[in-house]
Amino acid sequence: MKPTKQTLEQKARFLMLLIVSLMMSFSLVANDAIKKKKLVLQEGTYKEIKGKVVDANNGDDLVFANVTVEGTNIATVTNSEGSFILKVPNEMLGNSLTISYIGYDQKTIAINDLKANNNKIKLNVLTVSLDAITVFPKDPNLLIEAVLNHRKENYSQDENLMTAFYRETIRKRRAYASLSEAVVEIYKQGYNNSKVDAVKLLKGRKSADYGKLDTLLFKLQGGPYSTLMLDIMKSPYMILRYDLLEDYDFEIGNITRQDDRILYILNFKQKEYVPEPLFYGSLYIDSETMAIVSATYNINTEDEKAVGEMFIKRKPAGADVYPTKASYMVTYREKDGKWIYGYSRGELTFKVNWKKKLFNTVYHTGIEMAITDWEKTESKNFRGAEKMKSNVVMSDTEMGFADADFWGAYNVIEPEKSIESAIKKIQKNIEKLNN
């Protein structure tokens, strides 16, 4: 069965291909949860650790590496510069920190041996030979079928209550036009449950400089729900749906390792005769359990008009808008033999060509979310007003940017230097307004 235009649009939305609405005026939906939720956080009950994870041989940054407090579900990831920040409760300071990255040897370090700042953690590259594998798959199509057939036994079927940090950005060239951050709770359904995951906002902040948007407003609809939709094992209709497999060519590219697991790298791309824009990328598959532990994938943007129709909900007259890049990734964490969503990221670059202007404008949008803690739950799903809407647009407020300790004991993704600079500019603007 070939995908229809409607099917493709649904995949784009659920995949959160960062649906962008461009309009001549703007109006943002406020979320009252920020005002209603009163958080009481204990100061002095945790130790904050900052560090950087790099390749031991060449010093290259290892981006989106997993950083976990051993024996717990407390975790974060390194940012696009290899840096991380993690707040460890005092009662867990006797534990160790585990750092892992695909293709590298895992490292475990006692937390008491780490400084508060400037920890440089070096990981060694792993080499894997075919001799380490007793059976090497020859048919990539049978491999992907095995992944789907083992989905129920490999991924958590429990309901879990998760704490997560979410960030979304909009940049015009290099300048930030919008920055939103939030700590949320996620009611994560079991992987064999067709019900949609739910999100509750705990704390958040946003600043937007509409002067940088050329009178255009970009609405990134979905917020944290969008990053959850990148969980391809919970939402297989995006790529891993049985009736869509025939539209892809699969190829076993190589093998690598993560921790003590040998991983197959399964590459995929749409068949040449398939006209609709589909995906291409790589799946990292545990050779023993057939579980996907990580995936990186992109939208085929060769057909500018077709891809533009998938992404752009509305645009002003006199402008041609089309994506030039749409890339995504998702990683999973294992606990007690079951895998669960850990981190996802989406990035979209697109051009706006104005018919009466000589030069085009390039915009970059991005979303990411990391699970910082979770536990099994038997409580009921979020109800009523406490549940964020699936088409939410993050609230338009600068609340919190003036407070250096805004996040308290919550774990966050360490901001890149460019985001740190943007936050400092926001703080200076707030100071000017208050003086």
Protein backbone atom coordinates (compact mmCIF):
# COMPACT_ATOMS: atom_id res chain seq x y z
CA MET A 1 0.00 0.00 0.00
CA LYS A 2 1.49 3.31 -1.09
CA PRO A 3 1.30 6.28 1.28
CA THR A 4 -1.37 8.82 0.36
CA LYS A 5 -0.89 12.55 0.72
CA GLN A 6 -3.04 12.45 3.86
CA THR A 7 -0.90 9.67 5.32
CA LEU A 8 2.25 11.69 4.68
CA GLU A 9 0.78 14.77 6.32
CA GLN A 10 -0.17 12.70 9.37
CA LYS A 11 3.33 11.26 9.56
CA ALA A 12 4.79 14.74 9.36
CA ARG A 13 2.60 15.99 12.18
CA PHE A 14 3.06 13.01 14.49
CA LEU A 15 6.75 12.92 13.72
CA MET A 16 6.70 16.52 14.78
CA LEU A 17 8.46 17.56 11.78
CA LEU A 18 8.28 20.92 13.50
CA ILE A 19 5.08 22.15 11.94
CA VAL A 20 5.66 25.80 11.32
CA SER A 21 2.98 28.44 10.90
CA LEU A 22 4.11 31.63 9.23
CA MET A 23 1.76 34.58 9.55
CA MET A 24 1.81 38.34 9.14
CA SER A 25 0.61 38.81 12.72
CA PHE A 26 1.19 36.81 15.86
CA SER A 27 -0.67 35.34 18.81
CA LEU A 28 0.77 32.82 21.26
CA VAL A 29 -1.23 30.49 23.45
CA ALA A 30 -0.42 30.91 27.14
CA ASN A 31 -0.33 27.94 29.46
CA ASP A 32 -1.78 28.74 32.87
CA ALA A 33 0.07 25.81 34.41
CA ILE A 34 3.10 28.04 34.89
CA LYS A 35 1.09 30.43 37.03
CA LYS A 36 -0.88 27.83 38.94
CA LYS A 37 1.87 25.37 39.77
CA LYS A 38 3.75 26.31 42.94
CA LEU A 39 6.99 24.39 43.24
CA VAL A 40 8.84 23.91 46.50
CA LEU A 41 12.41 22.79 45.91
CA GLN A 42 14.93 22.02 48.63
CA GLU A 43 18.21 23.92 48.38
CA GLY A 44 21.41 22.31 49.60
CA THR A 45 20.09 18.78 49.09
CA TYR A 46 22.11 18.01 45.96
CA LYS A 47 25.53 18.40 44.37
CA GLU A 48 25.80 19.99 40.93
CA ILE A 49 28.41 18.48 38.60
CA LYS A 50 29.51 20.01 35.30
CA GLY A 51 31.74 18.34 32.77
CA LYS A 52 32.63 17.60 29.18
CA VAL A 53 32.82 14.22 27.41
CA VAL A 54 35.44 13.88 24.67
CA ASP A 55 37.21 11.35 22.47
CA ALA A 56 40.34 10.20 24.33
CA ASN A 57 42.44 10.18 21.14
CA ASN A 58 41.60 13.43 19.36
CA GLY A 59 39.65 15.43 21.94
CA ASP A 60 36.54 15.68 19.78
CA ASP A 61 33.30 16.45 21.62
CA LEU A 62 31.00 13.45 22.11
CA VAL A 63 27.55 14.91 21.60
CA PHE A 64 24.37 13.47 23.15
CA ALA A 65 26.26 10.94 25.25
CA ASN A 66 24.32 9.35 28.13
CA VAL A 67 25.31 10.44 31.65
CA THR A 68 23.61 8.41 34.39
CA VAL A 69 23.82 8.05 38.17
CA GLU A 70 24.61 4.35 38.51
CA GLY A 71 21.84 2.27 40.07
CA THR A 72 19.21 4.98 39.50
CA ASN A 73 17.10 6.45 36.70
CA ILE A 74 18.61 9.93 37.19
CA ALA A 75 20.27 10.93 33.93
CA THR A 76 20.99 13.58 31.35
CA VAL A 77 22.78 13.88 27.99
CA THR A 78 25.69 15.95 26.76
CA ASN A 79 24.79 18.86 24.50
CA SER A 80 26.01 19.54 20.94
CA GLU A 81 29.33 20.71 22.43
CA GLY A 82 29.84 17.59 24.57
CA SER A 83 29.05 19.39 27.86
CA PHE A 84 26.68 18.28 30.60
CA ILE A 85 25.31 19.40 33.95
CA LEU A 86 23.83 16.96 36.49
CA LYS A 87 22.36 17.52 39.94
CA VAL A 88 22.85 14.51 42.19
CA PRO A 89 20.87 14.16 45.47
CA ASN A 90 23.09 14.15 48.55
CA GLU A 91 22.01 10.63 49.49
CA MET A 92 23.42 9.37 46.15
CA LEU A 93 26.84 11.02 46.32
CA GLY A 94 28.35 7.62 47.21
CA ASN A 95 27.22 6.28 43.83
CA SER A 96 29.14 6.45 40.56
CA LEU A 97 28.52 8.30 37.32
CA THR A 98 28.26 6.16 34.18
CA ILE A 99 29.02 7.71 30.80
CA SER A 100 28.23 5.78 27.62
CA TYR A 101 28.31 6.52 23.91
CA ILE A 102 27.82 4.29 20.89
CA GLY A 103 31.16 3.09 19.55
CA TYR A 104 33.06 3.94 22.75
CA ASP A 105 34.04 2.09 25.90
CA GLN A 106 31.74 2.93 28.82
CA LYS A 107 33.35 4.75 31.76
CA THR A 108 32.29 4.69 35.42
CA ILE A 109 33.59 7.34 37.85
CA ALA A 110 32.89 7.73 41.58
CA ILE A 111 30.84 10.91 42.08
CA ASN A 112 32.98 11.87 45.07
CA ASP A 113 36.00 11.91 42.75
CA LEU A 114 34.42 14.55 40.50
CA LYS A 115 34.78 18.29 40.90
CA ALA A 116 31.86 20.71 40.75
CA ASN A 117 33.12 22.15 37.44
CA ASN A 118 35.46 21.48 34.51
CA ASN A 119 35.43 17.69 34.66
CA LYS A 120 36.91 16.35 31.42
CA ILE A 121 35.86 12.76 30.80
CA LYS A 122 37.68 10.87 28.05
CA LEU A 123 36.19 7.81 26.35
CA ASN A 124 38.14 5.31 24.27
CA VAL A 125 36.99 4.13 20.85
CA LEU A 126 35.94 0.49 20.70
CA THR A 127 36.95 -1.80 17.86
CA VAL A 128 34.69 -4.67 16.92
CA SER A 129 35.58 -7.56 14.64
CA LEU A 130 33.22 -9.94 12.90
CA ASP A 131 34.78 -12.72 14.98
CA ALA A 132 32.88 -11.34 17.98
CA ILE A 133 29.57 -12.22 16.31
CA THR A 134 28.52 -15.85 16.15
CA VAL A 135 25.77 -15.21 13.57
CA PHE A 136 25.90 -12.24 11.21
CA PRO A 137 22.61 -11.46 9.42
CA LYS A 138 22.72 -11.53 5.64
CA ASP A 139 19.18 -10.41 4.83
CA PRO A 140 18.44 -6.84 6.03
CA ASN A 141 14.72 -7.31 5.48
CA LEU A 142 14.64 -10.26 7.87
CA LEU A 143 16.57 -8.14 10.37
CA ILE A 144 14.01 -5.31 10.37
CA GLU A 145 11.18 -7.84 10.61
CA ALA A 146 12.89 -9.36 13.67
CA VAL A 147 13.01 -5.90 15.26
CA LEU A 148 9.26 -5.48 14.82
CA ASN A 149 8.48 -9.00 15.98
CA HIS A 150 10.46 -8.50 19.24
CA ARG A 151 9.07 -5.04 19.99
CA LYS A 152 6.68 -6.19 22.71
CA GLU A 153 9.26 -8.16 24.68
CA ASN A 154 12.07 -5.58 24.30
CA TYR A 155 10.29 -2.38 25.34
CA SER A 156 8.64 -1.52 28.63
CA GLN A 157 4.97 -2.47 28.84
CA ASP A 158 4.59 -0.66 32.17
CA GLU A 159 3.11 2.78 32.68
CA ASN A 160 5.88 5.14 33.78
CA LEU A 161 5.91 8.60 35.30
CA MET A 162 8.84 10.54 33.87
CA THR A 163 10.48 13.87 34.59
CA ALA A 164 11.99 15.53 31.52
CA PHE A 165 13.63 18.72 30.32
CA TYR A 166 12.44 20.22 27.03
CA ARG A 167 13.99 22.98 24.90
CA GLU A 168 12.94 24.56 21.62
CA THR A 169 14.69 27.28 19.63
CA ILE A 170 14.16 29.43 16.55
CA ARG A 171 17.13 31.15 14.93
CA LYS A 172 17.31 33.57 12.05
CA ARG A 173 20.70 32.69 10.66
CA ARG A 174 22.80 32.72 13.86
CA ALA A 175 20.67 35.04 15.99
CA TYR A 176 18.10 33.53 18.38
CA ALA A 177 14.58 34.84 17.79
CA SER A 178 12.87 32.52 20.27
CA LEU A 179 13.94 30.31 23.16
CA SER A 180 11.62 28.12 25.24
CA GLU A 181 12.55 25.74 28.06
CA ALA A 182 10.42 23.62 30.35
CA VAL A 183 10.48 20.87 32.95
CA VAL A 184 7.57 18.49 32.41
CA GLU A 185 6.10 15.28 33.75
CA ILE A 186 5.26 12.57 31.24
CA TYR A 187 2.73 9.82 31.74
CA LYS A 188 4.36 7.28 29.45
CA GLN A 189 2.13 4.46 28.24
CA GLY A 190 3.44 0.94 27.71
CA TYR A 191 4.93 0.32 24.29
CA ASN A 192 2.18 -2.08 23.30
CA ASN A 193 -0.51 0.39 24.35
CA SER A 194 -2.00 2.47 21.54
CA LYS A 195 -2.94 5.31 23.91
CA VAL A 196 -1.03 8.56 23.47
CA ASP A 197 1.46 9.64 26.13
CA ALA A 198 0.40 12.63 28.24
CA VAL A 199 2.40 15.66 29.40
CA LYS A 200 2.02 18.00 32.38
CA LEU A 201 3.94 21.27 32.64
CA LEU A 202 5.84 21.79 35.90
CA LYS A 203 7.92 24.85 35.16
CA GLY A 204 8.85 26.80 32.06
CA ARG A 205 10.02 30.03 30.51
CA LYS A 206 10.15 31.62 27.07
CA SER A 207 11.46 34.73 25.40
CA ALA A 208 10.78 35.82 21.82
CA ASP A 209 12.27 38.69 19.83
CA TYR A 210 9.74 39.22 17.05
CA GLY A 211 11.91 41.94 15.54
CA LYS A 212 14.19 39.20 14.23
CA LEU A 213 11.39 37.41 12.41
CA ASP A 214 10.74 39.88 9.58
CA THR A 215 7.13 40.28 10.78
CA LEU A 216 6.71 36.49 10.51
CA LEU A 217 5.72 34.38 13.47
CA PHE A 218 6.81 30.80 13.75
CA LYS A 219 4.56 28.62 15.86
CA LEU A 220 6.14 25.34 16.83
CA GLN A 221 3.06 23.34 17.66
CA GLY A 222 3.14 20.38 19.98
CA GLY A 223 5.98 21.33 22.31
CA PRO A 224 7.08 18.28 24.36
CA TYR A 225 4.52 16.09 22.55
CA SER A 226 6.53 16.63 19.38
CA THR A 227 9.69 15.14 20.85
CA LEU A 228 7.71 12.16 22.17
CA MET A 229 6.45 11.48 18.65
CA LEU A 230 10.05 10.91 17.59
CA ASP A 231 9.93 7.70 19.64
CA ILE A 232 9.74 5.40 16.61
CA MET A 233 9.16 2.28 18.72
CA LYS A 234 6.05 3.81 20.30
CA SER A 235 4.98 5.41 17.01
CA PRO A 236 6.02 2.85 14.37
CA TYR A 237 3.72 4.26 11.70
CA MET A 238 6.35 6.90 10.99
CA ILE A 239 8.96 4.50 9.64
CA LEU A 240 8.58 1.01 11.08
CA ARG A 241 5.10 0.12 9.90
CA TYR A 242 4.74 -3.26 8.23
CA ASP A 243 2.88 -1.96 5.19
CA LEU A 244 5.48 0.77 4.57
CA LEU A 245 8.57 -1.44 4.73
CA GLU A 246 8.25 -2.24 1.03
CA ASP A 247 8.86 1.43 0.24
CA TYR A 248 12.37 1.27 1.72
CA ASP A 249 15.68 -0.30 0.81
CA PHE A 250 17.51 -1.69 3.87
CA GLU A 251 21.22 -2.42 4.02
CA ILE A 252 23.38 -3.74 6.86
CA GLY A 253 26.16 -1.18 6.95
CA ASN A 254 28.50 -2.15 9.77
CA ILE A 255 28.74 -3.24 13.38
CA THR A 256 29.64 -1.28 16.49
CA ARG A 257 29.24 -1.50 20.25
CA GLN A 258 27.52 0.26 23.11
CA ASP A 259 28.62 -0.79 26.59
CA ASP A 260 28.78 -4.61 26.41
CA ARG A 261 26.36 -4.91 23.46
CA ILE A 262 27.26 -5.52 19.85
CA LEU A 263 25.08 -3.44 17.55
CA TYR A 264 24.14 -3.90 13.91
CA ILE A 265 23.92 -0.65 11.94
CA LEU A 266 20.98 -0.96 9.56
CA ASN A 267 20.80 1.81 6.96
CA PHE A 268 17.60 2.61 5.11
CA LYS A 269 16.33 4.92 2.36
CA GLN A 270 13.23 5.15 0.21
CA LYS A 271 13.14 3.21 -3.02
CA GLU A 272 13.84 5.25 -6.14
CA TYR A 273 10.39 4.67 -7.63
CA VAL A 274 8.55 6.00 -4.54
CA PRO A 275 7.58 9.60 -5.41
CA GLU A 276 6.55 10.87 -1.96
CA PRO A 277 9.19 12.32 0.39
CA LEU A 278 10.04 9.63 2.94
CA PHE A 279 12.92 9.02 5.33
CA TYR A 280 16.51 7.86 5.25
CA GLY A 281 18.86 7.11 8.10
CA SER A 282 20.36 4.44 10.36
CA LEU A 283 19.02 2.12 13.05
CA TYR A 284 21.33 0.75 15.77
CA ILE A 285 20.11 -2.73 16.70
CA ASP A 286 21.22 -4.91 19.63
CA SER A 287 22.49 -8.11 18.02
CA GLU A 288 21.13 -10.36 20.78
CA THR A 289 17.68 -8.95 21.54
CA MET A 290 16.89 -7.22 18.22
CA ALA A 291 16.05 -4.00 20.10
CA ILE A 292 16.66 -0.63 18.47
CA VAL A 293 18.78 1.28 20.97
CA SER A 294 19.19 4.42 18.86
CA ALA A 295 18.09 5.86 15.52
CA THR A 296 19.10 8.82 13.38
CA TYR A 297 16.96 9.73 10.40
CA ASN A 298 16.10 12.51 7.97
CA ILE A 299 13.36 13.57 5.58
CA ASN A 300 14.18 13.45 1.89
CA THR A 301 13.96 17.16 0.95
CA GLU A 302 14.72 16.83 -2.77
CA ASP A 303 11.13 17.66 -3.76
CA GLU A 304 10.91 21.15 -2.27
CA LYS A 305 7.24 21.70 -3.06
CA ALA A 306 6.06 18.38 -1.62
CA VAL A 307 8.14 18.72 1.54
CA GLY A 308 6.99 22.31 1.96
CA GLU A 309 3.37 21.16 1.93
CA MET A 310 4.17 18.66 4.70
CA PHE A 311 5.75 21.22 6.99
CA ILE A 312 4.20 24.60 6.37
CA LYS A 313 0.74 25.08 7.78
CA ARG A 314 0.28 28.64 6.61
CA LYS A 315 2.43 31.22 4.86
CA PRO A 316 2.06 34.86 3.83
CA ALA A 317 1.43 35.96 0.25
CA GLY A 318 4.55 36.77 -1.71
CA ALA A 319 6.76 34.19 -0.01
CA ASP A 320 8.00 30.77 -1.01
CA VAL A 321 8.92 28.65 1.99
CA TYR A 322 10.60 25.26 1.84
CA PRO A 323 12.71 23.08 4.17
CA THR A 324 16.28 22.31 3.16
CA LYS A 325 17.06 19.97 6.07
CA ALA A 326 14.98 17.94 8.51
CA SER A 327 16.94 15.62 10.80
CA TYR A 328 15.95 13.62 13.88
CA MET A 329 17.36 11.25 16.46
CA VAL A 330 16.07 9.16 19.34
CA THR A 331 17.92 7.11 21.95
CA TYR A 332 16.67 4.53 24.44
CA ARG A 333 17.84 3.45 27.88
CA GLU A 334 17.77 -0.08 29.27
CA LYS A 335 16.63 -1.07 32.75
CA ASP A 336 16.04 -4.63 33.93
CA GLY A 337 16.07 -5.98 30.38
CA LYS A 338 13.54 -3.47 29.03
CA TRP A 339 14.18 -0.42 26.87
CA ILE A 340 12.49 2.94 27.29
CA TYR A 341 12.60 6.36 25.66
CA GLY A 342 15.53 8.48 26.87
CA TYR A 343 16.22 11.38 24.52
CA SER A 344 15.08 12.79 21.19
CA ARG A 345 15.98 15.74 19.03
CA GLY A 346 14.68 17.35 15.85
CA GLU A 347 16.25 20.04 13.69
CA LEU A 348 14.74 21.84 10.70
CA THR A 349 16.34 24.37 8.37
CA PHE A 350 14.27 26.20 5.80
CA LYS A 351 14.44 29.14 3.44
CA VAL A 352 11.99 31.98 2.92
CA ASN A 353 12.18 33.53 -0.53
CA TRP A 354 10.35 36.84 -0.80
CA LYS A 355 9.34 37.63 -4.38
CA LYS A 356 10.10 41.34 -3.96
CA LYS A 357 13.38 40.91 -2.09
CA LEU A 358 16.78 40.16 -3.55
CA PHE A 359 18.02 37.85 -0.80
CA ASN A 360 16.39 34.90 0.93
CA THR A 361 16.28 34.33 4.68
CA VAL A 362 17.41 31.13 6.39
CA TYR A 363 15.76 29.99 9.62
CA HIS A 364 16.69 27.13 11.93
CA THR A 365 14.31 25.53 14.40
CA GLY A 366 15.12 22.83 16.93
CA ILE A 367 13.54 20.77 19.67
CA GLU A 368 15.04 18.35 22.17
CA MET A 369 13.93 16.54 25.30
CA ALA A 370 15.83 14.38 27.77
CA ILE A 371 14.32 12.11 30.42
CA THR A 372 16.04 13.02 33.69
CA ASP A 373 14.26 10.52 35.96
CA TRP A 374 11.40 7.99 35.85
CA GLU A 375 9.59 5.34 37.85
CA LYS A 376 6.82 2.82 37.33
CA THR A 377 3.42 4.15 38.29
CA GLU A 378 -0.05 2.83 38.93
CA SER A 379 -1.57 6.29 39.28
CA LYS A 380 -4.20 7.52 36.87
CA ASN A 381 -3.33 9.53 33.79
CA PHE A 382 -3.23 13.34 33.98
CA ARG A 383 -6.69 14.85 34.06
CA GLY A 384 -8.39 18.06 33.01
CA ALA A 385 -6.48 21.34 33.05
CA GLU A 386 -3.22 19.82 34.32
CA LYS A 387 -2.73 17.96 31.02
CA MET A 388 -1.07 19.96 28.25
CA LYS A 389 -2.86 20.00 24.91
CA SER A 390 -1.17 18.10 22.11
CA ASN A 391 -1.15 21.22 19.89
CA VAL A 392 0.25 23.46 22.62
CA VAL A 393 2.36 26.49 21.75
CA MET A 394 4.73 27.31 24.60
CA SER A 395 3.71 30.40 26.62
CA ASP A 396 4.98 33.85 25.73
CA THR A 397 6.69 35.09 28.86
CA GLU A 398 10.17 36.00 30.02
CA MET A 399 9.44 34.80 33.54
CA GLY A 400 12.42 33.07 35.07
CA PHE A 401 15.24 34.35 32.86
CA ALA A 402 16.19 36.93 35.50
CA ASP A 403 16.57 34.15 38.10
CA ALA A 404 19.93 32.37 37.91
CA ASP A 405 18.53 29.53 40.08
CA PHE A 406 15.25 29.24 38.20
CA TRP A 407 15.47 25.45 37.75
CA GLY A 408 16.33 24.67 41.37
CA ALA A 409 16.93 20.96 41.85
CA TYR A 410 15.60 19.99 38.42
CA ASN A 411 18.06 18.50 35.95
CA VAL A 412 18.38 20.23 32.58
CA ILE A 413 20.39 19.90 29.38
CA GLU A 414 23.44 22.13 29.63
CA PRO A 415 22.90 25.02 27.17
CA GLU A 416 25.36 25.49 24.33
CA LYS A 417 27.49 28.63 24.40
CA SER A 418 25.23 30.32 21.84
CA ILE A 419 22.17 29.68 24.02
CA GLU A 420 24.04 30.92 27.09
CA SER A 421 24.78 34.15 25.20
CA ALA A 422 21.12 34.46 24.22
CA ILE A 423 20.05 34.05 27.86
CA LYS A 424 22.53 36.73 28.96
CA LYS A 425 21.06 39.14 26.40
CA ILE A 426 17.56 38.40 27.68
CA GLN A 427 18.72 39.05 31.24
CA LYS A 428 20.27 42.39 30.24
CA ASN A 429 17.03 43.43 28.53
CA ILE A 430 15.06 42.55 31.66
CA GLU A 431 17.46 44.58 33.80
CA LYS A 432 17.02 47.62 31.51
CA LEU A 433 13.24 47.35 31.75
CA ASN A 434 13.39 47.10 35.55
CA ASN A 435 15.72 50.11 35.94
